Amino acid sequence: MEIPEIGNLFFGLIASIGTVVATLYNVGQVRKINAELLASFEVALEKQNKHSVTELFRLIHGLRMNYSDIVVLVNDDNCSKIIFALKKTPGIVSFENGQFQYSGVGKIRLFMMVDRFFRWGGLALSAIVAIFALWLLAFGGSGEVIAGIALIFPASIGIGLSLRSNRYDKMVSSLVSNET
């Protein structure tokens, strides 16, 4: 017996709703497990159990660090920002000997200058493309308007990503300068 098209749509809708519900349930379970891990981490930190502290820190944040560095880090006022920076740019920054600092290629001044140049260059290029797209929208014919619409979206995404990257790098440099 063949199911009519409306039946296929109905079963597809039910399957989609089931997938969304299962995903939301799994996200809730992950948050619950992370909360339990964090509670266990705090207990291990109070008891000064070095192995438990380092392993729980690795499970929670995905970072391998020495016990003494973990203790200093969790007592820092900017610990959330530092952990975020360590996770996002592991080859550029590190937290060693109780200090948050540039490491690896982050210590190379030329690399940082080239990185800054390309970030600002990307922002400038995206801004130029956005201005050109707006000009096409305002003064172009029908074909140019379509091109303007096609250009405005990637240009605005480029501007947003460049501004976000610049803000992140300012945060990291302020954290490094606060530590030194």
Protein backbone atom coordinates (compact mmCIF):
# COMPACT_ATOMS: atom_id res chain seq x y z
CA MET A 1 0.00 0.00 0.00
CA GLU A 2 1.42 3.36 -1.02
CA ILE A 3 1.26 6.37 1.27
CA PRO A 4 -0.03 9.55 -0.39
CA GLU A 5 2.19 12.64 -0.59
CA ILE A 6 0.51 14.29 2.40
CA GLY A 7 1.41 11.25 4.49
CA ASN A 8 5.06 11.50 3.46
CA LEU A 9 5.08 15.18 4.42
CA PHE A 10 3.43 14.37 7.75
CA PHE A 11 5.97 11.64 8.59
CA GLY A 12 8.82 13.90 7.47
CA LEU A 13 7.55 16.65 9.77
CA ILE A 14 7.31 14.21 12.69
CA ALA A 15 10.86 12.99 12.02
CA SER A 16 12.15 16.59 11.90
CA ILE A 17 10.43 17.49 15.16
CA GLY A 18 11.82 14.34 16.76
CA THR A 19 15.33 15.26 15.65
CA VAL A 20 15.03 18.76 17.11
CA VAL A 21 13.68 17.41 20.41
CA ALA A 22 16.47 14.81 20.63
CA THR A 23 19.10 17.47 19.91
CA LEU A 24 17.72 19.81 22.57
CA TYR A 25 17.61 16.93 25.06
CA ASN A 26 21.24 16.04 24.32
CA VAL A 27 22.34 19.67 24.71
CA GLY A 28 20.60 19.75 28.10
CA GLN A 29 22.33 16.53 29.13
CA VAL A 30 25.73 17.96 28.13
CA ARG A 31 25.09 21.07 30.24
CA LYS A 32 24.06 18.89 33.18
CA ILE A 33 27.21 16.77 32.86
CA ASN A 34 29.39 19.90 32.61
CA ALA A 35 27.79 21.27 35.78
CA GLU A 36 28.52 17.99 37.57
CA LEU A 37 32.11 18.03 36.31
CA LEU A 38 32.52 21.60 37.52
CA ALA A 39 31.22 20.67 40.97
CA SER A 40 33.65 17.73 41.09
CA PHE A 41 36.44 20.06 39.95
CA GLU A 42 35.76 22.48 42.80
CA VAL A 43 35.74 19.64 45.34
CA ALA A 44 39.04 18.30 43.98
CA LEU A 45 40.48 21.82 44.07
CA GLU A 46 39.49 22.22 47.73
CA LYS A 47 41.03 18.85 48.60
CA GLN A 48 44.16 19.74 46.56
CA ASN A 49 43.97 16.46 44.64
CA LYS A 50 46.41 17.27 41.84
CA HIS A 51 45.56 14.44 39.47
CA SER A 52 41.80 14.96 39.74
CA VAL A 53 42.13 18.72 39.27
CA THR A 54 44.26 18.40 36.13
CA GLU A 55 42.10 15.67 34.58
CA LEU A 56 38.81 17.43 35.36
CA PHE A 57 40.20 20.70 33.99
CA ARG A 58 41.15 18.85 30.80
CA LEU A 59 37.68 17.28 30.54
CA ILE A 60 35.86 20.56 31.16
CA HIS A 61 37.97 22.90 29.03
CA GLY A 62 40.00 20.63 26.75
CA LEU A 63 43.28 22.13 27.99
CA ARG A 64 46.24 20.30 29.52
CA MET A 65 47.93 22.37 32.21
CA ASN A 66 50.03 21.90 35.33
CA TYR A 67 48.28 21.85 38.68
CA SER A 68 50.03 25.01 39.92
CA ASP A 69 49.03 26.90 36.77
CA ILE A 70 45.41 25.74 37.12
CA VAL A 71 45.27 26.98 40.72
CA VAL A 72 46.66 30.38 39.72
CA LEU A 73 44.34 30.56 36.70
CA VAL A 74 41.10 29.79 38.53
CA ASN A 75 41.95 32.45 41.13
CA ASP A 76 42.50 35.11 38.44
CA ASP A 77 39.69 37.61 37.86
CA ASN A 78 39.97 37.15 34.08
CA CYS A 79 40.04 33.34 34.11
CA SER A 80 37.10 32.94 31.70
CA LYS A 81 38.67 35.26 29.13
CA ILE A 82 42.06 33.58 29.51
CA ILE A 83 40.57 30.10 29.07
CA PHE A 84 38.67 31.33 26.00
CA ALA A 85 41.89 32.73 24.51
CA LEU A 86 43.82 29.54 25.30
CA LYS A 87 41.17 27.45 23.55
CA LYS A 88 40.81 29.73 20.53
CA THR A 89 44.50 30.43 19.81
CA PRO A 90 46.59 27.65 21.36
CA GLY A 91 49.76 28.35 19.32
CA ILE A 92 49.74 32.09 19.97
CA VAL A 93 49.16 32.34 23.74
CA SER A 94 49.91 30.16 26.74
CA PHE A 95 49.50 30.18 30.49
CA GLU A 96 52.76 28.99 32.05
CA ASN A 97 54.40 29.67 35.39
CA GLY A 98 51.33 31.58 36.51
CA GLN A 99 51.49 34.07 33.63
CA PHE A 100 49.38 34.54 30.53
CA GLN A 101 51.75 35.36 27.70
CA TYR A 102 52.37 35.17 23.99
CA SER A 103 54.10 31.95 22.96
CA GLY A 104 55.26 30.23 19.80
CA VAL A 105 54.54 32.37 16.75
CA GLY A 106 52.86 34.93 19.01
CA LYS A 107 56.31 35.96 20.26
CA ILE A 108 57.51 36.72 16.72
CA ARG A 109 56.97 40.43 16.20
CA LEU A 110 57.00 40.14 12.39
CA PHE A 111 54.23 37.52 12.47
CA MET A 112 52.06 39.71 14.68
CA MET A 113 52.63 42.72 12.39
CA VAL A 114 51.73 40.70 9.28
CA ASP A 115 48.66 39.29 11.04
CA ARG A 116 47.54 42.79 12.05
CA PHE A 117 48.15 44.06 8.49
CA PHE A 118 46.00 41.32 6.95
CA ARG A 119 43.23 41.82 9.51
CA TRP A 120 43.03 45.55 8.82
CA GLY A 121 43.49 44.93 5.08
CA GLY A 122 40.57 42.49 5.12
CA LEU A 123 38.45 45.05 6.93
CA ALA A 124 39.37 47.75 4.41
CA LEU A 125 38.71 45.45 1.44
CA SER A 126 35.34 44.42 2.84
CA ALA A 127 34.42 48.06 3.45
CA ILE A 128 35.39 49.00 -0.12
CA VAL A 129 33.32 46.12 -1.53
CA ALA A 130 30.37 47.16 0.67
CA ILE A 131 30.60 50.77 -0.52
CA PHE A 132 30.79 49.59 -4.13
CA ALA A 133 27.79 47.31 -3.58
CA LEU A 134 25.79 50.18 -2.07
CA TRP A 135 26.75 52.36 -5.03
CA LEU A 136 25.51 49.62 -7.39
CA LEU A 137 22.26 49.39 -5.46
CA ALA A 138 21.72 53.14 -5.56
CA PHE A 139 22.78 54.01 -9.10
CA GLY A 140 22.82 50.77 -11.10
CA GLY A 141 20.37 49.26 -13.51
CA SER A 142 18.61 45.96 -12.91
CA GLY A 143 21.70 43.81 -13.54
CA GLU A 144 23.90 46.00 -11.38
CA VAL A 145 21.36 45.91 -8.54
CA ILE A 146 21.51 42.11 -8.54
CA ALA A 147 25.32 42.31 -8.45
CA GLY A 148 25.08 44.82 -5.59
CA ILE A 149 22.81 42.49 -3.64
CA ALA A 150 25.19 39.60 -4.30
CA LEU A 151 28.18 41.67 -3.09
CA ILE A 152 26.64 43.28 -0.01
CA PHE A 153 26.21 40.00 1.89
CA PRO A 154 29.82 38.74 1.71
CA ALA A 155 31.09 42.27 2.33
CA SER A 156 29.00 42.64 5.49
CA ILE A 157 30.11 39.21 6.69
CA GLY A 158 33.73 40.19 6.05
CA ILE A 159 33.31 43.43 8.00
CA GLY A 160 31.68 41.60 10.90
CA LEU A 161 34.36 38.91 11.05
CA SER A 162 37.16 41.48 10.82
CA LEU A 163 35.70 43.60 13.62
CA ARG A 164 35.21 40.51 15.77
CA SER A 165 38.79 39.38 15.16
CA ASN A 166 40.14 42.85 15.96
CA ARG A 167 38.14 42.97 19.19
CA TYR A 168 39.42 39.51 20.17
CA ASP A 169 43.04 40.50 19.52
CA LYS A 170 42.60 43.66 21.61
CA MET A 171 41.24 41.51 24.44
CA VAL A 172 44.21 39.12 24.23
CA SER A 173 46.77 41.93 24.13
CA SER A 174 45.14 43.63 27.13
CA LEU A 175 45.19 40.33 29.05
CA VAL A 176 48.86 39.80 28.23
CA SER A 177 49.74 43.37 29.21
CA ASN A 178 47.82 42.97 32.51
CA GLU A 179 49.84 39.87 33.35
CA THR A 180 53.24 41.45 32.70
